[in-house]
Amino acid sequence: MKLNIAYPATGCQKLLKIDDEKILSLFYDKRIGAEVPADRLGDEWKGYILKISGGNDLQGFCMMQGVLTNTRVRLLFAKGMPNYRERRTGVRKEEVRQRMYRRLSA
């Protein structure tokens, strides 16, 4: 799993690739906006707290705050809603989105 850790105040970003299931279990079944201690990521992250702000599943569908299920649901999006980019004027699009992190076995 890849974790993109950003610090907006300075604009710094760090991409971590983690394969250890013990470390990744910290992020499973968490909601968007949940705060997670970063102590398990290593000694350099001791004392930091990470806030989950989004993510994608293996098929590339993004998570959306406010959908309270850990499975995919069908949502009707309109202009101005998050996670929707209007391609033509007046078009509504039905999309499948995932809300929460869940463990997918490959």
C-alpha atoms as a PDB file:
ATOM      1  CA  MET A   1       0.000   0.000   0.000  1.00  0.00           C
ATOM      2  CA  LYS A   2       1.193   3.510  -0.732  1.00  0.00           C
ATOM      3  CA  LEU A   3       0.702   6.280   1.796  1.00  0.00           C
ATOM      4  CA  ASN A   4       1.008   9.893   0.690  1.00  0.00           C
ATOM      5  CA  ILE A   5       1.748  11.958   3.784  1.00  0.00           C
ATOM      6  CA  ALA A   6       1.462  15.716   3.317  1.00  0.00           C
ATOM      7  CA  TYR A   7       2.118  18.717   5.531  1.00  0.00           C
ATOM      8  CA  PRO A   8       0.048  21.564   4.007  1.00  0.00           C
ATOM      9  CA  ALA A   9       1.669  24.361   6.003  1.00  0.00           C
ATOM     10  CA  THR A  10       4.989  23.894   4.192  1.00  0.00           C
ATOM     11  CA  GLY A  11       3.796  21.998   1.113  1.00  0.00           C
ATOM     12  CA  CYS A  12       6.001  18.989   1.875  1.00  0.00           C
ATOM     13  CA  GLN A  13       4.908  15.505   0.799  1.00  0.00           C
ATOM     14  CA  LYS A  14       6.346  12.061   1.402  1.00  0.00           C
ATOM     15  CA  LEU A  15       5.310   8.827  -0.337  1.00  0.00           C
ATOM     16  CA  LEU A  16       5.739   5.647   1.710  1.00  0.00           C
ATOM     17  CA  LYS A  17       5.373   2.140   0.272  1.00  0.00           C
ATOM     18  CA  ILE A  18       4.474  -0.283   3.062  1.00  0.00           C
ATOM     19  CA  ASP A  19       4.023  -4.043   2.667  1.00  0.00           C
ATOM     20  CA  ASP A  20       3.939  -5.041   6.338  1.00  0.00           C
ATOM     21  CA  GLU A  21       0.416  -6.125   7.303  1.00  0.00           C
ATOM     22  CA  LYS A  22       1.041  -5.309  10.962  1.00  0.00           C
ATOM     23  CA  ILE A  23       1.670  -1.646  10.127  1.00  0.00           C
ATOM     24  CA  LEU A  24      -1.180  -1.459   7.597  1.00  0.00           C
ATOM     25  CA  SER A  25      -3.717  -2.844  10.070  1.00  0.00           C
ATOM     26  CA  LEU A  26      -3.554   0.551  11.770  1.00  0.00           C
ATOM     27  CA  PHE A  27      -5.332   2.134   8.768  1.00  0.00           C
ATOM     28  CA  TYR A  28      -7.999  -0.529   8.139  1.00  0.00           C
ATOM     29  CA  ASP A  29     -11.637   0.243   9.013  1.00  0.00           C
ATOM     30  CA  LYS A  30     -10.964   3.927   9.645  1.00  0.00           C
ATOM     31  CA  ARG A  31     -13.181   6.730   8.380  1.00  0.00           C
ATOM     32  CA  ILE A  32     -12.198   9.864   6.529  1.00  0.00           C
ATOM     33  CA  GLY A  33     -11.232  12.457   9.120  1.00  0.00           C
ATOM     34  CA  ALA A  34     -10.042   9.879  11.660  1.00  0.00           C
ATOM     35  CA  GLU A  35      -6.744  10.674  13.354  1.00  0.00           C
ATOM     36  CA  VAL A  36      -4.188   7.880  13.621  1.00  0.00           C
ATOM     37  CA  PRO A  37      -0.907   7.918  15.610  1.00  0.00           C
ATOM     38  CA  ALA A  38       2.075   7.434  13.287  1.00  0.00           C
ATOM     39  CA  ASP A  39       4.314   5.711  15.848  1.00  0.00           C
ATOM     40  CA  ARG A  40       4.136   2.335  14.064  1.00  0.00           C
ATOM     41  CA  LEU A  41       5.617   3.755  10.840  1.00  0.00           C
ATOM     42  CA  GLY A  42       9.066   4.034  12.414  1.00  0.00           C
ATOM     43  CA  ASP A  43      11.169   6.054  14.809  1.00  0.00           C
ATOM     44  CA  GLU A  44      11.186   9.143  12.569  1.00  0.00           C
ATOM     45  CA  TRP A  45       7.364   9.340  12.835  1.00  0.00           C
ATOM     46  CA  LYS A  46       7.202   9.034  16.621  1.00  0.00           C
ATOM     47  CA  GLY A  47       4.913  11.692  18.110  1.00  0.00           C
ATOM     48  CA  TYR A  48       3.127  12.537  14.850  1.00  0.00           C
ATOM     49  CA  ILE A  49      -0.617  12.159  14.313  1.00  0.00           C
ATOM     50  CA  LEU A  50      -1.949  11.504  10.797  1.00  0.00           C
ATOM     51  CA  LYS A  51      -5.418  12.502   9.592  1.00  0.00           C
ATOM     52  CA  ILE A  52      -7.050  10.336   6.916  1.00  0.00           C
ATOM     53  CA  SER A  53      -8.279  12.615   4.153  1.00  0.00           C
ATOM     54  CA  GLY A  54      -9.076  10.157   1.371  1.00  0.00           C
ATOM     55  CA  GLY A  55      -7.915   7.211  -0.675  1.00  0.00           C
ATOM     56  CA  ASN A  56      -8.611   4.855  -3.561  1.00  0.00           C
ATOM     57  CA  ASP A  57      -9.414   1.165  -3.843  1.00  0.00           C
ATOM     58  CA  LEU A  58      -7.656  -1.222  -6.220  1.00  0.00           C
ATOM     59  CA  GLN A  59      -9.929  -0.254  -9.118  1.00  0.00           C
ATOM     60  CA  GLY A  60      -9.237   3.470  -8.670  1.00  0.00           C
ATOM     61  CA  PHE A  61     -12.555   4.581  -7.179  1.00  0.00           C
ATOM     62  CA  CYS A  62     -12.071   7.301  -4.593  1.00  0.00           C
ATOM     63  CA  MET A  63     -13.525   7.397  -1.107  1.00  0.00           C
ATOM     64  CA  MET A  64     -16.146  10.002  -0.289  1.00  0.00           C
ATOM     65  CA  GLN A  65     -16.912  11.477   3.100  1.00  0.00           C
ATOM     66  CA  GLY A  66     -20.513  11.092   4.204  1.00  0.00           C
ATOM     67  CA  VAL A  67     -21.229   7.634   2.733  1.00  0.00           C
ATOM     68  CA  LEU A  68     -21.470   5.439   5.810  1.00  0.00           C
ATOM     69  CA  THR A  69     -20.791   1.992   4.379  1.00  0.00           C
ATOM     70  CA  ASN A  70     -17.648   0.016   3.666  1.00  0.00           C
ATOM     71  CA  THR A  71     -18.948  -1.378   0.358  1.00  0.00           C
ATOM     72  CA  ARG A  72     -19.437   0.348  -2.960  1.00  0.00           C
ATOM     73  CA  VAL A  73     -22.659   2.230  -3.443  1.00  0.00           C
ATOM     74  CA  ARG A  74     -24.231   3.889  -6.464  1.00  0.00           C
ATOM     75  CA  LEU A  75     -24.497   7.655  -6.102  1.00  0.00           C
ATOM     76  CA  LEU A  76     -26.034  10.205  -8.443  1.00  0.00           C
ATOM     77  CA  PHE A  77     -23.686  13.143  -8.833  1.00  0.00           C
ATOM     78  CA  ALA A  78     -24.528  16.612 -10.108  1.00  0.00           C
ATOM     79  CA  LYS A  79     -22.535  19.743 -10.859  1.00  0.00           C
ATOM     80  CA  GLY A  80     -20.593  21.131  -7.906  1.00  0.00           C
ATOM     81  CA  MET A  81     -20.447  17.919  -5.882  1.00  0.00           C
ATOM     82  CA  PRO A  82     -17.087  16.578  -4.712  1.00  0.00           C
ATOM     83  CA  ASN A  83     -15.477  13.736  -6.723  1.00  0.00           C
ATOM     84  CA  TYR A  84     -17.380  14.679  -9.892  1.00  0.00           C
ATOM     85  CA  ARG A  85     -16.013  16.518 -12.905  1.00  0.00           C
ATOM     86  CA  GLU A  86     -18.692  17.574 -15.341  1.00  0.00           C
ATOM     87  CA  ARG A  87     -17.751  16.761 -18.940  1.00  0.00           C
ATOM     88  CA  ARG A  88     -20.746  18.348 -20.659  1.00  0.00           C
ATOM     89  CA  THR A  89     -23.248  20.936 -19.461  1.00  0.00           C
ATOM     90  CA  GLY A  90     -26.351  19.490 -17.817  1.00  0.00           C
ATOM     91  CA  VAL A  91     -25.067  15.921 -17.538  1.00  0.00           C
ATOM     92  CA  ARG A  92     -25.562  13.886 -14.371  1.00  0.00           C
ATOM     93  CA  LYS A  93     -23.513  10.783 -13.866  1.00  0.00           C
ATOM     94  CA  GLU A  94     -24.075   7.707 -11.765  1.00  0.00           C
ATOM     95  CA  GLU A  95     -20.817   6.518 -10.232  1.00  0.00           C
ATOM     96  CA  VAL A  96     -19.695   3.799  -7.909  1.00  0.00           C
ATOM     97  CA  ARG A  97     -17.682   5.045  -4.955  1.00  0.00           C
ATOM     98  CA  GLN A  98     -16.091   3.408  -1.941  1.00  0.00           C
ATOM     99  CA  ARG A  99     -16.283   5.071   1.456  1.00  0.00           C
ATOM    100  CA  MET A 100     -14.014   3.346   3.929  1.00  0.00           C
ATOM    101  CA  TYR A 101     -10.717   1.478   3.852  1.00  0.00           C
ATOM    102  CA  ARG A 102     -11.289  -2.229   3.776  1.00  0.00           C
ATOM    103  CA  ARG A 103      -8.966  -5.114   3.421  1.00  0.00           C
ATOM    104  CA  LEU A 104      -8.829  -6.498  -0.121  1.00  0.00           C
ATOM    105  CA  SER A 105      -7.045  -9.760  -0.663  1.00  0.00           C
ATOM    106  CA  ALA A 106      -5.222  -9.928  -3.966  1.00  0.00           C
END
